[in-house]
Amino acid sequence: MDDLQARCAICGIARDEKACWAEQGKGPKVCPTLRKGEVVANVMQKYKQEEIGEFARQASIQESSRYINREETPHVLHPVKPRVQEICEFVHSMGYRKLGLAFCGGLTPKRPS
């Protein structure tokens, strides 16, 4: 395994002290926020574009508000709604009037012979 592979899910830094949460935050040597500062700065500029920023804001609202047991510890989140319903709600929150959904044929269950 690459010694510099990000391991965000097991980061031991307190949430409010993490580099990904606080501008002057800290992180382990594998922290992508600290290691990829130029990429982070570029992305932050993109978020300032109205359409991209609003898309990201609505997506984060959609994701965070659609789970039960959010306040429990340990955090074991359970979706409240099917993913397709979440997508439809997100589309509505963005004011989109058309939606196209695709399905990968490779995910179709095989029929018994």
PDB file of N, CA and C in Angstrom:
ATOM      1  N   MET A   1       0.844  -1.181   0.000  1.00  0.00           N
ATOM      2  CA  MET A   1       0.000   0.000   0.000  1.00  0.00           C
ATOM      3  C   MET A   1       0.888   1.242   0.000  1.00  0.00           C
ATOM      4  N   ASP A   2       0.516   2.235  -0.745  1.00  0.00           N
ATOM      5  CA  ASP A   2       1.241   3.494  -0.833  1.00  0.00           C
ATOM      6  C   ASP A   2       1.241   4.176   0.530  1.00  0.00           C
ATOM      7  N   ASP A   3       2.427   4.553   1.022  1.00  0.00           N
ATOM      8  CA  ASP A   3       2.533   5.209   2.326  1.00  0.00           C
ATOM      9  C   ASP A   3       1.838   6.566   2.354  1.00  0.00           C
ATOM     10  N   LEU A   4       1.610   7.172   1.181  1.00  0.00           N
ATOM     11  CA  LEU A   4       0.977   8.486   1.137  1.00  0.00           C
ATOM     12  C   LEU A   4      -0.482   8.409   0.683  1.00  0.00           C
ATOM     13  N   GLN A   5      -1.070   7.228   0.740  1.00  0.00           N
ATOM     14  CA  GLN A   5      -2.471   7.074   0.379  1.00  0.00           C
ATOM     15  C   GLN A   5      -3.344   7.720   1.458  1.00  0.00           C
ATOM     16  N   ALA A   6      -4.284   8.543   1.035  1.00  0.00           N
ATOM     17  CA  ALA A   6      -5.172   9.217   1.981  1.00  0.00           C
ATOM     18  C   ALA A   6      -5.998   8.195   2.750  1.00  0.00           C
ATOM     19  N   ARG A   7      -6.183   8.465   4.016  1.00  0.00           N
ATOM     20  CA  ARG A   7      -6.999   7.603   4.881  1.00  0.00           C
ATOM     21  C   ARG A   7      -7.943   8.484   5.701  1.00  0.00           C
ATOM     22  N   CYS A   8      -8.708   9.294   5.010  1.00  0.00           N
ATOM     23  CA  CYS A   8      -9.572  10.276   5.660  1.00  0.00           C
ATOM     24  C   CYS A   8     -10.546   9.643   6.637  1.00  0.00           C
ATOM     25  N   ALA A   9     -11.051   8.469   6.315  1.00  0.00           N
ATOM     26  CA  ALA A   9     -12.050   7.826   7.167  1.00  0.00           C
ATOM     27  C   ALA A   9     -11.500   7.464   8.537  1.00  0.00           C
ATOM     28  N   ILE A  10     -10.189   7.320   8.664  1.00  0.00           N
ATOM     29  CA  ILE A  10      -9.611   6.954   9.964  1.00  0.00           C
ATOM     30  C   ILE A  10      -8.712   8.055  10.516  1.00  0.00           C
ATOM     31  N   CYS A  11      -8.888   9.273  10.052  1.00  0.00           N
ATOM     32  CA  CYS A  11      -8.101  10.408  10.537  1.00  0.00           C
ATOM     33  C   CYS A  11      -8.352  10.580  12.032  1.00  0.00           C
ATOM     34  N   GLY A  12      -7.303  10.705  12.793  1.00  0.00           N
ATOM     35  CA  GLY A  12      -7.436  10.816  14.245  1.00  0.00           C
ATOM     36  C   GLY A  12      -7.529  12.244  14.765  1.00  0.00           C
ATOM     37  N   ILE A  13      -7.517  13.225  13.892  1.00  0.00           N
ATOM     38  CA  ILE A  13      -7.582  14.626  14.311  1.00  0.00           C
ATOM     39  C   ILE A  13      -9.031  14.982  14.647  1.00  0.00           C
ATOM     40  N   ALA A  14      -9.220  15.737  15.729  1.00  0.00           N
ATOM     41  CA  ALA A  14     -10.569  16.177  16.102  1.00  0.00           C
ATOM     42  C   ALA A  14     -11.175  16.989  14.964  1.00  0.00           C
ATOM     43  N   ARG A  15     -12.472  16.817  14.738  1.00  0.00           N
ATOM     44  CA  ARG A  15     -13.134  17.417  13.572  1.00  0.00           C
ATOM     45  C   ARG A  15     -12.855  18.900  13.425  1.00  0.00           C
ATOM     46  N   ASP A  16     -13.019  19.671  14.465  1.00  0.00           N
ATOM     47  CA  ASP A  16     -12.839  21.122  14.365  1.00  0.00           C
ATOM     48  C   ASP A  16     -11.381  21.534  14.181  1.00  0.00           C
ATOM     49  N   GLU A  17     -10.466  20.589  14.322  1.00  0.00           N
ATOM     50  CA  GLU A  17      -9.040  20.889  14.171  1.00  0.00           C
ATOM     51  C   GLU A  17      -8.465  20.346  12.866  1.00  0.00           C
ATOM     52  N   LYS A  18      -9.282  19.642  12.085  1.00  0.00           N
ATOM     53  CA  LYS A  18      -8.811  19.051  10.836  1.00  0.00           C
ATOM     54  C   LYS A  18      -8.562  20.117   9.778  1.00  0.00           C
ATOM     55  N   ALA A  19      -7.575  19.891   8.939  1.00  0.00           N
ATOM     56  CA  ALA A  19      -7.269  20.808   7.840  1.00  0.00           C
ATOM     57  C   ALA A  19      -8.437  20.931   6.871  1.00  0.00           C
ATOM     58  N   CYS A  20      -9.212  19.875   6.730  1.00  0.00           N
ATOM     59  CA  CYS A  20     -10.357  19.913   5.813  1.00  0.00           C
ATOM     60  C   CYS A  20     -11.553  20.648   6.409  1.00  0.00           C
ATOM     61  N   TRP A  21     -11.492  20.989   7.697  1.00  0.00           N
ATOM     62  CA  TRP A  21     -12.584  21.706   8.361  1.00  0.00           C
ATOM     63  C   TRP A  21     -12.191  23.111   8.780  1.00  0.00           C
ATOM     64  N   ALA A  22     -10.931  23.325   9.089  1.00  0.00           N
ATOM     65  CA  ALA A  22     -10.471  24.621   9.598  1.00  0.00           C
ATOM     66  C   ALA A  22      -9.322  25.125   8.728  1.00  0.00           C
ATOM     67  N   GLU A  23      -9.376  26.393   8.399  1.00  0.00           N
ATOM     68  CA  GLU A  23      -8.364  26.967   7.503  1.00  0.00           C
ATOM     69  C   GLU A  23      -6.949  26.751   8.025  1.00  0.00           C
ATOM     70  N   GLN A  24      -6.750  26.868   9.312  1.00  0.00           N
ATOM     71  CA  GLN A  24      -5.428  26.650   9.902  1.00  0.00           C
ATOM     72  C   GLN A  24      -5.340  25.273  10.567  1.00  0.00           C
ATOM     73  N   GLY A  25      -6.147  24.338  10.089  1.00  0.00           N
ATOM     74  CA  GLY A  25      -6.204  23.007  10.685  1.00  0.00           C
ATOM     75  C   GLY A  25      -4.959  22.183  10.437  1.00  0.00           C
ATOM     76  N   LYS A  26      -4.936  21.021  11.046  1.00  0.00           N
ATOM     77  CA  LYS A  26      -3.785  20.126  10.927  1.00  0.00           C
ATOM     78  C   LYS A  26      -4.248  18.764  10.444  1.00  0.00           C
ATOM     79  N   GLY A  27      -3.281  17.941  10.107  1.00  0.00           N
ATOM     80  CA  GLY A  27      -3.598  16.607   9.631  1.00  0.00           C
ATOM     81  C   GLY A  27      -2.344  15.756   9.568  1.00  0.00           C
ATOM     82  N   PRO A  28      -2.515  14.446   9.337  1.00  0.00           N
ATOM     83  CA  PRO A  28      -1.363  13.556   9.225  1.00  0.00           C
ATOM     84  C   PRO A  28      -0.619  13.808   7.916  1.00  0.00           C
ATOM     85  N   LYS A  29       0.535  13.185   7.759  1.00  0.00           N
ATOM     86  CA  LYS A  29       1.344  13.417   6.560  1.00  0.00           C
ATOM     87  C   LYS A  29       0.641  12.979   5.281  1.00  0.00           C
ATOM     88  N   VAL A  30      -0.343  12.112   5.388  1.00  0.00           N
ATOM     89  CA  VAL A  30      -1.076  11.651   4.206  1.00  0.00           C
ATOM     90  C   VAL A  30      -2.288  12.517   3.885  1.00  0.00           C
ATOM     91  N   CYS A  31      -2.524  13.577   4.639  1.00  0.00           N
ATOM     92  CA  CYS A  31      -3.715  14.427   4.477  1.00  0.00           C
ATOM     93  C   CYS A  31      -3.719  15.087   3.096  1.00  0.00           C
ATOM     94  N   PRO A  32      -4.716  14.771   2.249  1.00  0.00           N
ATOM     95  CA  PRO A  32      -4.752  15.362   0.912  1.00  0.00           C
ATOM     96  C   PRO A  32      -4.994  16.870   0.933  1.00  0.00           C
ATOM     97  N   THR A  33      -5.690  17.365   1.953  1.00  0.00           N
ATOM     98  CA  THR A  33      -5.923  18.813   2.042  1.00  0.00           C
ATOM     99  C   THR A  33      -4.599  19.543   2.224  1.00  0.00           C
ATOM    100  N   LEU A  34      -3.713  18.978   3.016  1.00  0.00           N
ATOM    101  CA  LEU A  34      -2.407  19.608   3.242  1.00  0.00           C
ATOM    102  C   LEU A  34      -1.435  19.332   2.098  1.00  0.00           C
ATOM    103  N   ARG A  35      -1.484  18.136   1.546  1.00  0.00           N
ATOM    104  CA  ARG A  35      -0.543  17.749   0.491  1.00  0.00           C
ATOM    105  C   ARG A  35      -0.886  18.354  -0.860  1.00  0.00           C
ATOM    106  N   LYS A  36      -2.144  18.634  -1.108  1.00  0.00           N
ATOM    107  CA  LYS A  36      -2.594  19.104  -2.421  1.00  0.00           C
ATOM    108  C   LYS A  36      -3.164  20.521  -2.332  1.00  0.00           C
ATOM    109  N   GLY A  37      -2.441  21.403  -1.671  1.00  0.00           N
ATOM    110  CA  GLY A  37      -2.903  22.772  -1.456  1.00  0.00           C
ATOM    111  C   GLY A  37      -3.275  23.507  -2.729  1.00  0.00           C
ATOM    112  N   GLU A  38      -2.521  23.293  -3.801  1.00  0.00           N
ATOM    113  CA  GLU A  38      -2.811  23.967  -5.073  1.00  0.00           C
ATOM    114  C   GLU A  38      -4.152  23.495  -5.647  1.00  0.00           C
ATOM    115  N   VAL A  39      -4.418  22.220  -5.538  1.00  0.00           N
ATOM    116  CA  VAL A  39      -5.692  21.674  -6.022  1.00  0.00           C
ATOM    117  C   VAL A  39      -6.845  22.233  -5.188  1.00  0.00           C
ATOM    118  N   VAL A  40      -6.662  22.265  -3.870  1.00  0.00           N
ATOM    119  CA  VAL A  40      -7.697  22.788  -2.975  1.00  0.00           C
ATOM    120  C   VAL A  40      -7.990  24.248  -3.309  1.00  0.00           C
ATOM    121  N   ALA A  41      -6.951  25.045  -3.504  1.00  0.00           N
ATOM    122  CA  ALA A  41      -7.136  26.465  -3.841  1.00  0.00           C
ATOM    123  C   ALA A  41      -7.886  26.624  -5.155  1.00  0.00           C
ATOM    124  N   ASN A  42      -7.561  25.796  -6.136  1.00  0.00           N
ATOM    125  CA  ASN A  42      -8.244  25.833  -7.435  1.00  0.00           C
ATOM    126  C   ASN A  42      -9.722  25.499  -7.270  1.00  0.00           C
ATOM    127  N   VAL A  43     -10.014  24.469  -6.498  1.00  0.00           N
ATOM    128  CA  VAL A  43     -11.401  24.059  -6.275  1.00  0.00           C
ATOM    129  C   VAL A  43     -12.173  25.152  -5.539  1.00  0.00           C
ATOM    130  N   MET A  44     -11.550  25.769  -4.550  1.00  0.00           N
ATOM    131  CA  MET A  44     -12.225  26.829  -3.811  1.00  0.00           C
ATOM    132  C   MET A  44     -12.598  27.989  -4.730  1.00  0.00           C
ATOM    133  N   GLN A  45     -11.768  28.272  -5.707  1.00  0.00           N
ATOM    134  CA  GLN A  45     -12.094  29.310  -6.694  1.00  0.00           C
ATOM    135  C   GLN A  45     -13.299  28.893  -7.531  1.00  0.00           C
ATOM    136  N   LYS A  46     -13.350  27.628  -7.899  1.00  0.00           N
ATOM    137  CA  LYS A  46     -14.488  27.125  -8.692  1.00  0.00           C
ATOM    138  C   LYS A  46     -15.797  27.243  -7.901  1.00  0.00           C
ATOM    139  N   TYR A  47     -15.733  26.946  -6.590  1.00  0.00           N
ATOM    140  CA  TYR A  47     -16.930  27.040  -5.754  1.00  0.00           C
ATOM    141  C   TYR A  47     -17.485  28.463  -5.711  1.00  0.00           C
ATOM    142  N   LYS A  48     -16.669  29.452  -5.984  1.00  0.00           N
ATOM    143  CA  LYS A  48     -17.123  30.848  -5.984  1.00  0.00           C
ATOM    144  C   LYS A  48     -17.980  31.167  -7.206  1.00  0.00           C
ATOM    145  N   GLN A  49     -17.911  30.322  -8.225  1.00  0.00           N
ATOM    146  CA  GLN A  49     -18.789  30.495  -9.383  1.00  0.00           C
ATOM    147  C   GLN A  49     -20.203  30.130  -8.928  1.00  0.00           C
ATOM    148  N   GLU A  50     -21.148  31.021  -9.182  1.00  0.00           N
ATOM    149  CA  GLU A  50     -22.489  30.871  -8.623  1.00  0.00           C
ATOM    150  C   GLU A  50     -23.116  29.506  -8.898  1.00  0.00           C
ATOM    151  N   GLU A  51     -23.081  29.051 -10.138  1.00  0.00           N
ATOM    152  CA  GLU A  51     -23.737  27.788 -10.492  1.00  0.00           C
ATOM    153  C   GLU A  51     -23.075  26.596  -9.801  1.00  0.00           C
ATOM    154  N   ILE A  52     -21.758  26.576  -9.769  1.00  0.00           N
ATOM    155  CA  ILE A  52     -21.039  25.463  -9.135  1.00  0.00           C
ATOM    156  C   ILE A  52     -21.225  25.495  -7.626  1.00  0.00           C
ATOM    157  N   GLY A  53     -21.132  26.674  -7.034  1.00  0.00           N
ATOM    158  CA  GLY A  53     -21.310  26.797  -5.591  1.00  0.00           C
ATOM    159  C   GLY A  53     -22.690  26.369  -5.136  1.00  0.00           C
ATOM    160  N   GLU A  54     -23.717  26.770  -5.886  1.00  0.00           N
ATOM    161  CA  GLU A  54     -25.084  26.385  -5.526  1.00  0.00           C
ATOM    162  C   GLU A  54     -25.297  24.885  -5.698  1.00  0.00           C
ATOM    163  N   PHE A  55     -24.725  24.305  -6.738  1.00  0.00           N
ATOM    164  CA  PHE A  55     -24.822  22.866  -6.947  1.00  0.00           C
ATOM    165  C   PHE A  55     -24.205  22.129  -5.751  1.00  0.00           C
ATOM    166  N   ALA A  56     -23.018  22.538  -5.348  1.00  0.00           N
ATOM    167  CA  ALA A  56     -22.336  21.896  -4.222  1.00  0.00           C
ATOM    168  C   ALA A  56     -23.109  22.089  -2.923  1.00  0.00           C
ATOM    169  N   ARG A  57     -23.667  23.274  -2.722  1.00  0.00           N
ATOM    170  CA  ARG A  57     -24.433  23.553  -1.508  1.00  0.00           C
ATOM    171  C   ARG A  57     -25.668  22.659  -1.440  1.00  0.00           C
ATOM    172  N   GLN A  58     -26.418  22.602  -2.528  1.00  0.00           N
ATOM    173  CA  GLN A  58     -27.625  21.769  -2.545  1.00  0.00           C
ATOM    174  C   GLN A  58     -27.279  20.286  -2.395  1.00  0.00           C
ATOM    175  N   ALA A  59     -26.187  19.859  -3.002  1.00  0.00           N
ATOM    176  CA  ALA A  59     -25.775  18.454  -2.882  1.00  0.00           C
ATOM    177  C   ALA A  59     -25.426  18.116  -1.435  1.00  0.00           C
ATOM    178  N   SER A  60     -24.755  19.015  -0.740  1.00  0.00           N
ATOM    179  CA  SER A  60     -24.397  18.730   0.651  1.00  0.00           C
ATOM    180  C   SER A  60     -25.623  18.739   1.548  1.00  0.00           C
ATOM    181  N   ILE A  61     -26.575  19.626   1.271  1.00  0.00           N
ATOM    182  CA  ILE A  61     -27.831  19.637   2.031  1.00  0.00           C
ATOM    183  C   ILE A  61     -28.571  18.321   1.807  1.00  0.00           C
ATOM    184  N   GLN A  62     -28.651  17.915   0.550  1.00  0.00           N
ATOM    185  CA  GLN A  62     -29.343  16.671   0.202  1.00  0.00           C
ATOM    186  C   GLN A  62     -28.718  15.489   0.928  1.00  0.00           C
ATOM    187  N   GLU A  63     -27.410  15.408   0.880  1.00  0.00           N
ATOM    188  CA  GLU A  63     -26.736  14.273   1.499  1.00  0.00           C
ATOM    189  C   GLU A  63     -26.895  14.270   3.016  1.00  0.00           C
ATOM    190  N   SER A  64     -26.677  15.390   3.654  1.00  0.00           N
ATOM    191  CA  SER A  64     -26.671  15.412   5.118  1.00  0.00           C
ATOM    192  C   SER A  64     -28.045  15.266   5.740  1.00  0.00           C
ATOM    193  N   SER A  65     -29.074  15.692   5.042  1.00  0.00           N
ATOM    194  CA  SER A  65     -30.403  15.674   5.646  1.00  0.00           C
ATOM    195  C   SER A  65     -31.196  14.412   5.335  1.00  0.00           C
ATOM    196  N   ARG A  66     -30.646  13.502   4.609  1.00  0.00           N
ATOM    197  CA  ARG A  66     -31.408  12.333   4.182  1.00  0.00           C
ATOM    198  C   ARG A  66     -31.036  11.058   4.916  1.00  0.00           C
ATOM    199  N   TYR A  67     -30.511  11.217   6.117  1.00  0.00           N
ATOM    200  CA  TYR A  67     -30.132  10.050   6.900  1.00  0.00           C
ATOM    201  C   TYR A  67     -30.768  10.105   8.277  1.00  0.00           C
ATOM    202  N   ILE A  68     -31.058   8.928   8.832  1.00  0.00           N
ATOM    203  CA  ILE A  68     -31.528   8.852  10.210  1.00  0.00           C
ATOM    204  C   ILE A  68     -30.331   8.542  11.094  1.00  0.00           C
ATOM    205  N   ASN A  69     -30.495   8.708  12.364  1.00  0.00           N
ATOM    206  CA  ASN A  69     -29.451   8.426  13.362  1.00  0.00           C
ATOM    207  C   ASN A  69     -28.225   9.315  13.173  1.00  0.00           C
ATOM    208  N   ARG A  70     -28.405  10.529  12.694  1.00  0.00           N
ATOM    209  CA  ARG A  70     -27.271  11.428  12.436  1.00  0.00           C
ATOM    210  C   ARG A  70     -26.575  11.859  13.717  1.00  0.00           C
ATOM    211  N   GLU A  71     -27.315  11.938  14.813  1.00  0.00           N
ATOM    212  CA  GLU A  71     -26.756  12.467  16.054  1.00  0.00           C
ATOM    213  C   GLU A  71     -26.194  11.381  16.966  1.00  0.00           C
ATOM    214  N   GLU A  72     -26.361  10.135  16.585  1.00  0.00           N
ATOM    215  CA  GLU A  72     -25.915   9.046  17.433  1.00  0.00           C
ATOM    216  C   GLU A  72     -24.420   8.792  17.281  1.00  0.00           C
ATOM    217  N   THR A  73     -23.839   8.222  18.335  1.00  0.00           N
ATOM    218  CA  THR A  73     -22.446   7.824  18.298  1.00  0.00           C
ATOM    219  C   THR A  73     -22.395   6.350  18.655  1.00  0.00           C
ATOM    220  N   PRO A  74     -21.737   5.495  17.909  1.00  0.00           N
ATOM    221  CA  PRO A  74     -20.977   5.828  16.696  1.00  0.00           C
ATOM    222  C   PRO A  74     -21.919   6.190  15.553  1.00  0.00           C
ATOM    223  N   HIS A  75     -21.388   6.920  14.611  1.00  0.00           N
ATOM    224  CA  HIS A  75     -22.180   7.398  13.477  1.00  0.00           C
ATOM    225  C   HIS A  75     -22.391   6.269  12.476  1.00  0.00           C
ATOM    226  N   VAL A  76     -23.544   5.674  12.547  1.00  0.00           N
ATOM    227  CA  VAL A  76     -23.935   4.651  11.584  1.00  0.00           C
ATOM    228  C   VAL A  76     -25.158   5.219  10.885  1.00  0.00           C
ATOM    229  N   LEU A  77     -24.942   5.801   9.728  1.00  0.00           N
ATOM    230  CA  LEU A  77     -26.025   6.474   9.035  1.00  0.00           C
ATOM    231  C   LEU A  77     -26.829   5.484   8.202  1.00  0.00           C
ATOM    232  N   HIS A  78     -28.127   5.668   8.207  1.00  0.00           N
ATOM    233  CA  HIS A  78     -29.021   4.830   7.424  1.00  0.00           C
ATOM    234  C   HIS A  78     -29.846   5.725   6.512  1.00  0.00           C
ATOM    235  N   PRO A  79     -29.839   5.459   5.223  1.00  0.00           N
ATOM    236  CA  PRO A  79     -30.629   6.285   4.309  1.00  0.00           C
ATOM    237  C   PRO A  79     -32.114   6.209   4.651  1.00  0.00           C
ATOM    238  N   VAL A  80     -32.780   7.334   4.508  1.00  0.00           N
ATOM    239  CA  VAL A  80     -34.206   7.399   4.765  1.00  0.00           C
ATOM    240  C   VAL A  80     -34.992   7.052   3.507  1.00  0.00           C
ATOM    241  N   LYS A  81     -34.458   7.402   2.353  1.00  0.00           N
ATOM    242  CA  LYS A  81     -35.186   7.260   1.091  1.00  0.00           C
ATOM    243  C   LYS A  81     -34.319   6.523   0.068  1.00  0.00           C
ATOM    244  N   PRO A  82     -34.958   5.927  -0.933  1.00  0.00           N
ATOM    245  CA  PRO A  82     -34.192   5.306  -2.021  1.00  0.00           C
ATOM    246  C   PRO A  82     -33.390   6.369  -2.785  1.00  0.00           C
ATOM    247  N   ARG A  83     -32.277   5.967  -3.354  1.00  0.00           N
ATOM    248  CA  ARG A  83     -31.388   6.890  -4.060  1.00  0.00           C
ATOM    249  C   ARG A  83     -32.101   7.624  -5.193  1.00  0.00           C
ATOM    250  N   VAL A  84     -32.966   6.937  -5.933  1.00  0.00           N
ATOM    251  CA  VAL A  84     -33.669   7.581  -7.044  1.00  0.00           C
ATOM    252  C   VAL A  84     -34.559   8.713  -6.521  1.00  0.00           C
ATOM    253  N   GLN A  85     -35.195   8.504  -5.395  1.00  0.00           N
ATOM    254  CA  GLN A  85     -36.025   9.560  -4.812  1.00  0.00           C
ATOM    255  C   GLN A  85     -35.155  10.732  -4.380  1.00  0.00           C
ATOM    256  N   GLU A  86     -33.992  10.457  -3.797  1.00  0.00           N
ATOM    257  CA  GLU A  86     -33.069  11.527  -3.414  1.00  0.00           C
ATOM    258  C   GLU A  86     -32.644  12.337  -4.632  1.00  0.00           C
ATOM    259  N   ILE A  87     -32.350  11.651  -5.728  1.00  0.00           N
ATOM    260  CA  ILE A  87     -31.949  12.337  -6.959  1.00  0.00           C
ATOM    261  C   ILE A  87     -33.070  13.240  -7.446  1.00  0.00           C
ATOM    262  N   CYS A  88     -34.285  12.743  -7.440  1.00  0.00           N
ATOM    263  CA  CYS A  88     -35.425  13.551  -7.883  1.00  0.00           C
ATOM    264  C   CYS A  88     -35.600  14.783  -7.001  1.00  0.00           C
ATOM    265  N   GLU A  89     -35.432  14.630  -5.698  1.00  0.00           N
ATOM    266  CA  GLU A  89     -35.544  15.774  -4.788  1.00  0.00           C
ATOM    267  C   GLU A  89     -34.422  16.784  -5.041  1.00  0.00           C
ATOM    268  N   PHE A  90     -33.229  16.275  -5.298  1.00  0.00           N
ATOM    269  CA  PHE A  90     -32.106  17.170  -5.592  1.00  0.00           C
ATOM    270  C   PHE A  90     -32.368  17.958  -6.872  1.00  0.00           C
ATOM    271  N   VAL A  91     -32.844  17.277  -7.886  1.00  0.00           N
ATOM    272  CA  VAL A  91     -33.165  17.921  -9.164  1.00  0.00           C
ATOM    273  C   VAL A  91     -34.182  19.041  -8.936  1.00  0.00           C
ATOM    274  N   HIS A  92     -35.187  18.750  -8.122  1.00  0.00           N
ATOM    275  CA  HIS A  92     -36.213  19.753  -7.809  1.00  0.00           C
ATOM    276  C   HIS A  92     -35.587  20.946  -7.074  1.00  0.00           C
ATOM    277  N   SER A  93     -34.709  20.666  -6.091  1.00  0.00           N
ATOM    278  CA  SER A  93     -34.089  21.756  -5.323  1.00  0.00           C
ATOM    279  C   SER A  93     -33.222  22.651  -6.207  1.00  0.00           C
ATOM    280  N   MET A  94     -32.705  22.088  -7.289  1.00  0.00           N
ATOM    281  CA  MET A  94     -31.878  22.869  -8.214  1.00  0.00           C
ATOM    282  C   MET A  94     -32.727  23.614  -9.250  1.00  0.00           C
ATOM    283  N   GLY A  95     -34.008  23.312  -9.289  1.00  0.00           N
ATOM    284  CA  GLY A  95     -34.881  23.973 -10.247  1.00  0.00           C
ATOM    285  C   GLY A  95     -34.786  23.399 -11.650  1.00  0.00           C
ATOM    286  N   TYR A  96     -34.193  22.224 -11.786  1.00  0.00           N
ATOM    287  CA  TYR A  96     -34.098  21.594 -13.096  1.00  0.00           C
ATOM    288  C   TYR A  96     -35.477  21.110 -13.521  1.00  0.00           C
ATOM    289  N   ARG A  97     -35.748  21.144 -14.793  1.00  0.00           N
ATOM    290  CA  ARG A  97     -37.055  20.735 -15.289  1.00  0.00           C
ATOM    291  C   ARG A  97     -37.014  19.399 -16.014  1.00  0.00           C
ATOM    292  N   LYS A  98     -35.822  18.927 -16.357  1.00  0.00           N
ATOM    293  CA  LYS A  98     -35.687  17.637 -17.032  1.00  0.00           C
ATOM    294  C   LYS A  98     -34.613  16.822 -16.318  1.00  0.00           C
ATOM    295  N   LEU A  99     -34.809  15.523 -16.364  1.00  0.00           N
ATOM    296  CA  LEU A  99     -33.874  14.613 -15.717  1.00  0.00           C
ATOM    297  C   LEU A  99     -33.716  13.380 -16.592  1.00  0.00           C
ATOM    298  N   GLY A 100     -32.500  13.002 -16.836  1.00  0.00           N
ATOM    299  CA  GLY A 100     -32.231  11.772 -17.566  1.00  0.00           C
ATOM    300  C   GLY A 100     -31.507  10.813 -16.655  1.00  0.00           C
ATOM    301  N   LEU A 101     -31.958   9.597 -16.598  1.00  0.00           N
ATOM    302  CA  LEU A 101     -31.310   8.569 -15.791  1.00  0.00           C
ATOM    303  C   LEU A 101     -30.876   7.434 -16.706  1.00  0.00           C
ATOM    304  N   ALA A 102     -29.707   6.895 -16.444  1.00  0.00           N
ATOM    305  CA  ALA A 102     -29.193   5.780 -17.237  1.00  0.00           C
ATOM    306  C   ALA A 102     -28.941   4.599 -16.309  1.00  0.00           C
ATOM    307  N   PHE A 103     -28.996   3.437 -16.870  1.00  0.00           N
ATOM    308  CA  PHE A 103     -28.746   2.223 -16.106  1.00  0.00           C
ATOM    309  C   PHE A 103     -27.746   1.379 -16.864  1.00  0.00           C
ATOM    310  N   CYS A 104     -26.741   0.900 -16.177  1.00  0.00           N
ATOM    311  CA  CYS A 104     -25.718   0.080 -16.795  1.00  0.00           C
ATOM    312  C   CYS A 104     -26.250  -1.342 -16.972  1.00  0.00           C
ATOM    313  N   GLY A 105     -26.280  -1.794 -18.206  1.00  0.00           N
ATOM    314  CA  GLY A 105     -26.757  -3.143 -18.496  1.00  0.00           C
ATOM    315  C   GLY A 105     -25.957  -4.213 -17.789  1.00  0.00           C
ATOM    316  N   GLY A 106     -24.712  -3.924 -17.464  1.00  0.00           N
ATOM    317  CA  GLY A 106     -23.871  -4.885 -16.760  1.00  0.00           C
ATOM    318  C   GLY A 106     -24.349  -5.150 -15.345  1.00  0.00           C
ATOM    319  N   LEU A 107     -25.215  -4.289 -14.829  1.00  0.00           N
ATOM    320  CA  LEU A 107     -25.738  -4.475 -13.478  1.00  0.00           C
ATOM    321  C   LEU A 107     -27.055  -5.245 -13.454  1.00  0.00           C
ATOM    322  N   THR A 108     -27.568  -5.583 -14.630  1.00  0.00           N
ATOM    323  CA  THR A 108     -28.819  -6.336 -14.721  1.00  0.00           C
ATOM    324  C   THR A 108     -28.580  -7.757 -14.211  1.00  0.00           C
ATOM    325  N   PRO A 109     -29.443  -8.233 -13.313  1.00  0.00           N
ATOM    326  CA  PRO A 109     -29.258  -9.609 -12.838  1.00  0.00           C
ATOM    327  C   PRO A 109     -29.371 -10.594 -13.991  1.00  0.00           C
ATOM    328  N   LYS A 110     -28.533 -11.627 -13.930  1.00  0.00           N
ATOM    329  CA  LYS A 110     -28.577 -12.659 -14.968  1.00  0.00           C
ATOM    330  C   LYS A 110     -29.814 -13.522 -14.760  1.00  0.00           C
ATOM    331  N   ARG A 111     -30.459 -13.856 -15.873  1.00  0.00           N
ATOM    332  CA  ARG A 111     -31.618 -14.739 -15.795  1.00  0.00           C
ATOM    333  C   ARG A 111     -31.136 -16.176 -15.699  1.00  0.00           C
ATOM    334  N   PRO A 112     -31.879 -16.973 -14.941  1.00  0.00           N
ATOM    335  CA  PRO A 112     -31.479 -18.393 -14.856  1.00  0.00           C
ATOM    336  C   PRO A 112     -31.613 -19.059 -16.231  1.00  0.00           C
ATOM    337  N   SER A 113     -30.718 -19.968 -16.528  1.00  0.00           N
ATOM    338  CA  SER A 113     -30.743 -20.680 -17.825  1.00  0.00           C
ATOM    339  C   SER A 113     -31.829 -21.693 -17.883  1.00  0.00           C
TER     340      SER A 113
END
